[in-house]
Amino acid sequence: MPRKDWIYVIDDAKMPEGGMVPVYPLGINILMARVNGKVYALEGRCAHMGCPLFNGMLEGTVLTCPCHDWRFNIQTGEFLDASELRLKVYQTRTEDGKLFVCLGQTEGL
C-alpha cells in the first residue's frame, strides 16, 4: 500500500501571511511560505549556488534569491527564466493547528 511521510514542521499560527520561515525536518532545509492563506513548501537553497532562500524577497508567489536574483515560482518550484530548472516542492497540510510537509512517498503515487 502506498504511503506518504508527513512530518510536523511548525505551528500554523507561527506562519505569517506573506512571510517565509525556514524549517529543517529530519535535517532537510525547507522554506515555508504563506501567500493568500495557502502554505507552500520548497527547497530552502537556490538551485544556482545553494544560497539560502530564506533571505530572499517574496512578492506574491515569486521568490527572488538574495545572491544572484534568480526568481522561482513557489507553487511549482520553477525557475522563471528557464523552466527546465526547478526547486523541489513539498506537499503541505494543516491538522489541529499544526503544519506538516510530505518528505517522500512510495512509487506509484
N, C-alpha and C. Protein backbone atom coordinates (compact mmCIF):
# COMPACT_ATOMS: atom_id res chain seq x y z
N MET A 1 0.84 -1.18 0.00
CA MET A 1 0.00 0.00 0.00
C MET A 1 0.89 1.25 0.00
N PRO A 2 0.62 2.23 -0.87
CA PRO A 2 1.42 3.45 -0.91
C PRO A 2 1.32 4.22 0.40
N ARG A 3 2.39 4.89 0.75
CA ARG A 3 2.36 5.69 1.97
C ARG A 3 3.06 7.02 1.71
N LYS A 4 2.72 7.98 2.52
CA LYS A 4 3.37 9.28 2.47
C LYS A 4 3.99 9.55 3.84
N ASP A 5 5.10 10.23 3.84
CA ASP A 5 5.81 10.54 5.08
C ASP A 5 5.57 11.99 5.48
N TRP A 6 4.54 12.22 6.29
CA TRP A 6 4.19 13.56 6.75
C TRP A 6 4.93 13.85 8.04
N ILE A 7 5.61 15.00 8.07
CA ILE A 7 6.39 15.41 9.24
C ILE A 7 5.90 16.78 9.71
N TYR A 8 5.67 16.89 11.01
CA TYR A 8 5.31 18.19 11.60
C TYR A 8 6.50 19.13 11.47
N VAL A 9 6.23 20.40 11.07
CA VAL A 9 7.32 21.37 10.92
C VAL A 9 7.15 22.63 11.75
N ILE A 10 5.91 23.12 11.93
CA ILE A 10 5.73 24.38 12.64
C ILE A 10 4.24 24.55 12.98
N ASP A 11 3.96 25.29 14.03
CA ASP A 11 2.56 25.61 14.33
C ASP A 11 2.04 26.59 13.27
N ASP A 12 0.81 26.38 12.85
CA ASP A 12 0.20 27.21 11.82
C ASP A 12 0.21 28.69 12.22
N ALA A 13 0.01 28.98 13.48
CA ALA A 13 -0.04 30.36 13.97
C ALA A 13 1.30 31.09 13.82
N LYS A 14 2.39 30.36 13.68
CA LYS A 14 3.72 30.96 13.54
C LYS A 14 4.11 31.21 12.09
N MET A 15 3.19 30.89 11.16
CA MET A 15 3.45 31.06 9.74
C MET A 15 2.72 32.32 9.28
N PRO A 16 3.43 33.46 9.16
CA PRO A 16 2.78 34.72 8.84
C PRO A 16 2.33 34.83 7.38
N GLU A 17 1.24 35.51 7.16
CA GLU A 17 0.77 35.78 5.79
C GLU A 17 1.81 36.63 5.08
N GLY A 18 2.18 36.23 3.87
CA GLY A 18 3.17 36.97 3.09
C GLY A 18 4.59 36.78 3.57
N GLY A 19 4.78 35.88 4.52
CA GLY A 19 6.10 35.67 5.09
C GLY A 19 6.68 34.31 4.79
N MET A 20 7.93 34.14 5.19
CA MET A 20 8.66 32.90 4.97
C MET A 20 9.31 32.45 6.28
N VAL A 21 9.39 31.14 6.45
CA VAL A 21 10.01 30.57 7.64
C VAL A 21 10.83 29.35 7.21
N PRO A 22 12.11 29.30 7.59
CA PRO A 22 12.89 28.10 7.29
C PRO A 22 12.60 27.02 8.33
N VAL A 23 12.49 25.78 7.88
CA VAL A 23 12.31 24.64 8.78
C VAL A 23 13.27 23.55 8.34
N TYR A 24 13.57 22.63 9.26
CA TYR A 24 14.58 21.60 8.98
C TYR A 24 14.13 20.23 9.44
N PRO A 25 13.02 19.71 8.90
CA PRO A 25 12.58 18.38 9.32
C PRO A 25 13.58 17.31 8.88
N LEU A 26 14.01 16.49 9.84
CA LEU A 26 15.00 15.44 9.58
C LEU A 26 16.25 16.00 8.91
N GLY A 27 16.58 17.27 9.19
CA GLY A 27 17.78 17.90 8.66
C GLY A 27 17.66 18.41 7.24
N ILE A 28 16.46 18.34 6.66
CA ILE A 28 16.24 18.81 5.29
C ILE A 28 15.87 20.29 5.33
N ASN A 29 16.58 21.11 4.55
CA ASN A 29 16.35 22.56 4.51
C ASN A 29 15.13 22.85 3.63
N ILE A 30 14.04 23.27 4.26
CA ILE A 30 12.79 23.58 3.55
C ILE A 30 12.36 24.99 3.91
N LEU A 31 11.90 25.71 2.90
CA LEU A 31 11.38 27.06 3.10
C LEU A 31 9.86 27.00 3.03
N MET A 32 9.20 27.46 4.09
CA MET A 32 7.74 27.54 4.13
C MET A 32 7.35 28.98 3.83
N ALA A 33 6.29 29.16 3.06
CA ALA A 33 5.78 30.50 2.74
C ALA A 33 4.27 30.46 2.70
N ARG A 34 3.64 31.55 3.16
CA ARG A 34 2.18 31.64 3.10
C ARG A 34 1.81 32.83 2.22
N VAL A 35 1.01 32.55 1.18
CA VAL A 35 0.55 33.59 0.26
C VAL A 35 -0.94 33.39 0.05
N ASN A 36 -1.71 34.44 0.31
CA ASN A 36 -3.17 34.40 0.17
C ASN A 36 -3.78 33.23 0.94
N GLY A 37 -3.25 32.98 2.12
CA GLY A 37 -3.78 31.95 3.00
C GLY A 37 -3.30 30.54 2.71
N LYS A 38 -2.64 30.33 1.59
CA LYS A 38 -2.15 28.99 1.24
C LYS A 38 -0.68 28.87 1.63
N VAL A 39 -0.32 27.70 2.18
CA VAL A 39 1.06 27.46 2.61
C VAL A 39 1.77 26.62 1.56
N TYR A 40 2.98 27.05 1.22
CA TYR A 40 3.83 26.36 0.25
C TYR A 40 5.12 25.94 0.95
N ALA A 41 5.72 24.87 0.44
CA ALA A 41 6.99 24.38 0.97
C ALA A 41 7.88 23.99 -0.20
N LEU A 42 9.11 24.49 -0.19
CA LEU A 42 10.04 24.16 -1.25
C LEU A 42 11.46 24.11 -0.71
N GLU A 43 12.36 23.61 -1.54
CA GLU A 43 13.76 23.53 -1.13
C GLU A 43 14.21 24.88 -0.59
N GLY A 44 15.01 24.85 0.44
CA GLY A 44 15.44 26.09 1.08
C GLY A 44 16.70 26.70 0.52
N ARG A 45 17.29 26.07 -0.49
CA ARG A 45 18.52 26.60 -1.10
C ARG A 45 18.32 26.76 -2.60
N CYS A 46 18.90 27.81 -3.14
CA CYS A 46 18.79 28.11 -4.57
C CYS A 46 19.47 27.01 -5.40
N ALA A 47 18.87 26.71 -6.54
CA ALA A 47 19.42 25.72 -7.46
C ALA A 47 20.72 26.18 -8.11
N HIS A 48 21.01 27.46 -8.06
CA HIS A 48 22.19 28.02 -8.72
C HIS A 48 23.46 27.74 -7.93
N MET A 49 23.57 28.33 -6.76
CA MET A 49 24.79 28.16 -5.96
C MET A 49 24.48 27.85 -4.50
N GLY A 50 23.29 27.38 -4.24
CA GLY A 50 22.94 26.95 -2.89
C GLY A 50 22.70 28.06 -1.88
N CYS A 51 22.47 29.26 -2.33
CA CYS A 51 22.23 30.37 -1.41
C CYS A 51 20.94 30.12 -0.62
N PRO A 52 20.91 30.52 0.66
CA PRO A 52 19.70 30.33 1.46
C PRO A 52 18.56 31.24 0.98
N LEU A 53 17.47 30.63 0.57
CA LEU A 53 16.35 31.39 0.02
C LEU A 53 15.57 32.14 1.07
N PHE A 54 15.72 31.77 2.34
CA PHE A 54 15.01 32.48 3.42
C PHE A 54 15.36 33.98 3.41
N ASN A 55 16.56 34.31 2.98
CA ASN A 55 16.99 35.70 2.94
C ASN A 55 16.53 36.42 1.67
N GLY A 56 15.79 35.73 0.81
CA GLY A 56 15.33 36.31 -0.44
C GLY A 56 14.11 37.21 -0.26
N MET A 57 13.58 37.64 -1.40
CA MET A 57 12.42 38.54 -1.42
C MET A 57 11.23 37.78 -2.00
N LEU A 58 10.12 37.79 -1.26
CA LEU A 58 8.90 37.14 -1.71
C LEU A 58 7.90 38.21 -2.14
N GLU A 59 7.49 38.15 -3.41
CA GLU A 59 6.49 39.07 -3.94
C GLU A 59 5.41 38.23 -4.60
N GLY A 60 4.26 38.12 -3.93
CA GLY A 60 3.23 37.21 -4.41
C GLY A 60 3.76 35.80 -4.33
N THR A 61 3.71 35.08 -5.44
CA THR A 61 4.23 33.72 -5.46
C THR A 61 5.61 33.64 -6.12
N VAL A 62 6.27 34.77 -6.27
CA VAL A 62 7.61 34.80 -6.85
C VAL A 62 8.64 35.07 -5.75
N LEU A 63 9.59 34.16 -5.65
CA LEU A 63 10.68 34.26 -4.68
C LEU A 63 11.97 34.56 -5.43
N THR A 64 12.64 35.64 -5.03
CA THR A 64 13.90 36.03 -5.66
C THR A 64 15.06 35.69 -4.73
N CYS A 65 16.02 34.94 -5.26
CA CYS A 65 17.20 34.55 -4.50
C CYS A 65 18.01 35.79 -4.13
N PRO A 66 18.51 35.86 -2.89
CA PRO A 66 19.26 37.03 -2.46
C PRO A 66 20.66 37.12 -3.06
N CYS A 67 21.18 36.04 -3.61
CA CYS A 67 22.57 36.05 -4.09
C CYS A 67 22.72 36.52 -5.54
N HIS A 68 21.88 36.01 -6.43
CA HIS A 68 22.05 36.34 -7.85
C HIS A 68 20.74 36.65 -8.55
N ASP A 69 19.70 36.95 -7.77
CA ASP A 69 18.40 37.38 -8.31
C ASP A 69 17.69 36.33 -9.16
N TRP A 70 18.00 35.05 -8.97
CA TRP A 70 17.22 34.02 -9.66
C TRP A 70 15.81 34.04 -9.08
N ARG A 71 14.79 33.94 -9.94
CA ARG A 71 13.40 34.01 -9.49
C ARG A 71 12.70 32.67 -9.68
N PHE A 72 11.98 32.27 -8.63
CA PHE A 72 11.29 30.98 -8.63
C PHE A 72 9.81 31.16 -8.31
N ASN A 73 8.97 30.35 -8.92
CA ASN A 73 7.56 30.28 -8.58
C ASN A 73 7.44 29.33 -7.40
N ILE A 74 6.96 29.79 -6.25
CA ILE A 74 6.90 28.93 -5.07
C ILE A 74 5.82 27.86 -5.19
N GLN A 75 4.89 28.00 -6.10
CA GLN A 75 3.84 27.00 -6.29
C GLN A 75 4.38 25.77 -7.01
N THR A 76 5.29 25.99 -7.95
CA THR A 76 5.79 24.89 -8.80
C THR A 76 7.28 24.62 -8.61
N GLY A 77 8.01 25.57 -8.02
CA GLY A 77 9.45 25.46 -7.90
C GLY A 77 10.19 25.87 -9.15
N GLU A 78 9.46 26.24 -10.20
CA GLU A 78 10.05 26.55 -11.50
C GLU A 78 10.90 27.82 -11.46
N PHE A 79 12.09 27.73 -12.07
CA PHE A 79 12.95 28.89 -12.28
C PHE A 79 12.33 29.68 -13.43
N LEU A 80 11.99 30.92 -13.22
CA LEU A 80 11.20 31.68 -14.19
C LEU A 80 11.93 32.02 -15.48
N ASP A 81 13.26 31.95 -15.49
CA ASP A 81 14.00 32.27 -16.70
C ASP A 81 14.40 31.02 -17.50
N ALA A 82 14.18 29.84 -16.94
CA ALA A 82 14.50 28.58 -17.64
C ALA A 82 13.67 27.48 -16.98
N SER A 83 12.51 27.21 -17.56
CA SER A 83 11.53 26.32 -16.91
C SER A 83 12.03 24.90 -16.69
N GLU A 84 13.11 24.50 -17.35
CA GLU A 84 13.64 23.16 -17.13
C GLU A 84 14.35 23.03 -15.78
N LEU A 85 14.66 24.14 -15.16
CA LEU A 85 15.27 24.14 -13.82
C LEU A 85 14.18 24.39 -12.79
N ARG A 86 14.25 23.67 -11.69
CA ARG A 86 13.25 23.90 -10.65
C ARG A 86 13.76 23.42 -9.30
N LEU A 87 13.14 23.97 -8.28
CA LEU A 87 13.37 23.53 -6.91
C LEU A 87 12.36 22.45 -6.57
N LYS A 88 12.72 21.58 -5.65
CA LYS A 88 11.77 20.57 -5.20
C LYS A 88 10.68 21.26 -4.39
N VAL A 89 9.44 20.87 -4.65
CA VAL A 89 8.28 21.39 -3.93
C VAL A 89 7.70 20.25 -3.12
N TYR A 90 7.30 20.55 -1.89
CA TYR A 90 6.74 19.55 -0.99
C TYR A 90 5.26 19.82 -0.77
N GLN A 91 4.48 18.77 -0.64
CA GLN A 91 3.07 18.92 -0.29
C GLN A 91 2.99 19.38 1.16
N THR A 92 1.95 20.16 1.47
CA THR A 92 1.73 20.61 2.84
C THR A 92 0.30 20.26 3.26
N ARG A 93 0.09 20.20 4.56
CA ARG A 93 -1.26 20.04 5.09
C ARG A 93 -1.29 20.64 6.49
N THR A 94 -2.48 21.06 6.90
CA THR A 94 -2.68 21.60 8.23
C THR A 94 -3.62 20.65 8.98
N GLU A 95 -3.25 20.37 10.22
CA GLU A 95 -4.07 19.49 11.05
C GLU A 95 -3.94 19.93 12.50
N ASP A 96 -5.08 20.22 13.12
CA ASP A 96 -5.10 20.64 14.53
C ASP A 96 -4.15 21.80 14.82
N GLY A 97 -4.10 22.78 13.90
CA GLY A 97 -3.28 23.97 14.10
C GLY A 97 -1.79 23.74 13.89
N LYS A 98 -1.42 22.62 13.28
CA LYS A 98 -0.03 22.31 13.01
C LYS A 98 0.17 22.11 11.51
N LEU A 99 1.33 22.56 11.01
CA LEU A 99 1.67 22.39 9.60
C LEU A 99 2.59 21.19 9.43
N PHE A 100 2.30 20.43 8.39
CA PHE A 100 3.08 19.25 8.07
C PHE A 100 3.55 19.34 6.62
N VAL A 101 4.71 18.73 6.32
CA VAL A 101 5.17 18.57 4.94
C VAL A 101 5.34 17.09 4.67
N CYS A 102 5.15 16.74 3.42
CA CYS A 102 5.35 15.36 2.98
C CYS A 102 6.77 15.27 2.41
N LEU A 103 7.63 14.53 3.10
CA LEU A 103 9.02 14.43 2.66
C LEU A 103 9.24 13.37 1.60
N GLY A 104 8.35 12.44 1.48
CA GLY A 104 8.54 11.41 0.48
C GLY A 104 7.31 10.57 0.32
N GLN A 105 7.35 9.72 -0.67
CA GLN A 105 6.25 8.81 -0.89
C GLN A 105 6.77 7.60 -1.65
N THR A 106 6.05 6.53 -1.59
CA THR A 106 6.45 5.34 -2.32
C THR A 106 6.13 5.50 -3.79
N GLU A 107 6.73 4.69 -4.64
CA GLU A 107 6.48 4.78 -6.07
C GLU A 107 5.00 4.55 -6.36
N GLY A 108 4.53 5.15 -7.43
CA GLY A 108 3.16 4.95 -7.85
C GLY A 108 2.19 6.01 -7.37
N LEU A 109 2.65 6.91 -6.53
CA LEU A 109 1.76 7.98 -6.07
C LEU A 109 2.00 9.23 -6.86
